[in-house]
Protein backbone atom coordinates (compact mmCIF):
# COMPACT_ATOMS: atom_id res chain seq x y z
CA UNK A 1 113.86 181.61 44.19
CA UNK A 2 112.88 178.09 44.53
CA UNK A 3 110.03 176.60 43.38
CA UNK A 4 108.47 173.09 44.19
CA UNK A 5 108.52 170.69 41.43
CA UNK A 6 105.63 168.19 40.91
CA UNK A 7 104.48 165.26 38.42
CA UNK A 8 100.83 164.82 37.28
CA UNK A 9 100.25 162.04 35.04
CA UNK A 10 103.84 161.64 34.25
CA UNK A 11 104.15 165.36 33.19
CA UNK A 12 106.42 168.17 35.42
CA UNK A 13 104.43 171.19 36.52
CA UNK A 14 106.43 173.95 38.78
CA UNK A 15 104.33 174.99 42.03
CA UNK A 16 104.86 178.78 42.49
CA UNK A 17 103.04 181.31 44.84
CA UNK A 18 100.16 182.94 43.35
CA UNK A 19 101.58 186.40 43.54
CA UNK A 20 104.57 185.27 41.92
CA UNK A 21 102.82 184.24 39.56
CA UNK A 22 101.11 187.41 39.09
CA UNK A 23 103.95 189.14 38.96
CA UNK A 24 105.62 187.18 36.05
CA UNK A 25 102.66 187.01 34.22
CA UNK A 26 101.76 190.75 34.43
CA UNK A 27 98.31 190.14 36.10
CA UNK A 28 98.80 192.07 39.34
CA UNK A 29 95.46 194.39 39.39
CA UNK A 30 96.14 198.07 40.37
CA UNK A 31 95.12 198.10 43.79
CA UNK A 32 96.74 199.25 47.38
CA UNK A 33 95.74 195.58 48.96
CA UNK A 34 98.65 193.44 49.78
CA UNK A 35 99.39 190.25 48.07
CA UNK A 36 97.84 188.09 50.51
CA UNK A 37 94.63 189.85 50.67
CA UNK A 38 94.64 189.68 46.72
CA UNK A 39 95.35 185.95 47.02
CA UNK A 40 92.13 185.72 49.04
CA UNK A 41 90.26 187.23 46.35
CA UNK A 42 91.38 185.31 43.44
CA UNK A 43 90.51 182.04 45.49
CA UNK A 44 86.62 182.89 45.86
CA UNK A 45 86.59 180.94 48.58
CA UNK A 46 85.09 183.98 50.90
CA UNK A 47 82.91 186.57 49.83
CA UNK A 48 84.84 189.60 48.42
CA UNK A 49 82.77 192.24 50.24
CA UNK A 50 83.97 190.25 53.25
CA UNK A 51 87.66 190.16 53.08
CA UNK A 52 88.24 194.00 52.17
CA UNK A 53 85.92 194.91 54.63
CA UNK A 54 87.58 192.97 57.75
CA UNK A 55 91.17 193.97 56.16
CA UNK A 56 90.15 198.08 55.67
CA UNK A 57 88.71 197.75 60.06
CA UNK A 58 85.37 198.15 59.27
CA UNK A 59 82.28 196.15 61.17
CA UNK A 60 79.04 195.38 59.19
CA UNK A 61 77.33 198.11 61.02
CA UNK A 62 80.11 200.79 60.56
CA UNK A 63 80.05 200.19 56.84
CA UNK A 64 76.34 200.02 56.84
CA UNK A 65 76.30 203.40 58.17
CA UNK A 66 78.95 205.15 55.73
CA UNK A 67 77.01 204.08 52.95
CA UNK A 68 73.50 204.14 53.82
CA UNK A 69 72.90 200.08 53.24
CA UNK A 70 71.17 198.23 55.68
CA UNK A 71 73.05 195.96 57.88
CA UNK A 72 70.93 193.04 56.99
CA UNK A 73 70.79 193.72 53.69
CA UNK A 74 75.11 193.97 53.68
CA UNK A 75 74.78 190.82 55.69
CA UNK A 76 73.09 189.36 52.93
CA UNK A 77 75.30 190.27 50.34
CA UNK A 78 78.29 188.98 52.25
CA UNK A 79 76.66 185.71 52.65
CA UNK A 80 75.76 185.42 49.17
CA UNK A 81 71.86 185.65 49.73
CA UNK A 82 71.65 188.14 47.60
CA UNK A 83 74.11 189.86 44.58
CA UNK A 84 73.48 193.26 45.91
CA UNK A 85 72.35 195.92 43.16
CA UNK A 86 74.62 197.66 41.07
CA UNK A 87 74.29 200.99 43.17
CA UNK A 88 74.78 199.16 46.24
CA UNK A 89 77.86 197.68 45.26
CA UNK A 90 79.30 201.03 43.74
CA UNK A 91 78.64 202.80 47.03
CA UNK A 92 80.70 199.74 48.82
CA UNK A 93 83.35 200.06 46.32
CA UNK A 94 83.86 203.67 46.70
CA UNK A 95 83.69 203.04 50.75
CA UNK A 96 86.11 200.72 50.68
CA UNK A 97 88.48 202.79 48.28
CA UNK A 98 88.82 199.57 45.75
CA UNK A 99 87.47 199.16 42.01
CA UNK A 100 84.02 197.68 41.47
CA UNK A 101 85.62 195.05 39.59
CA UNK A 102 87.12 193.34 42.97
CA UNK A 103 83.41 192.68 44.55
CA UNK A 104 81.74 191.43 41.91
């Protein structure tokens, strides 16, 4: 593999893709999610719930119906307006087949 070398304040650093780093460091979480989805989750630039929901192919309405959570509440969790109760997050994690830690 070839990696980029860059210098910051005179010190050399190697730039490698995040999924390569996780593989080398043993930080690969147990999950059936592909590495690009895991990278997006780790970046924390988007709602983990939204990323996984879309990856699993659910609309907000479908996920709300499956979990018994109202669509407006689900939207508030995805947009960060509400944190989501422990019960709600557990039900969502179960429906999305992921560890609760990936959503919170």
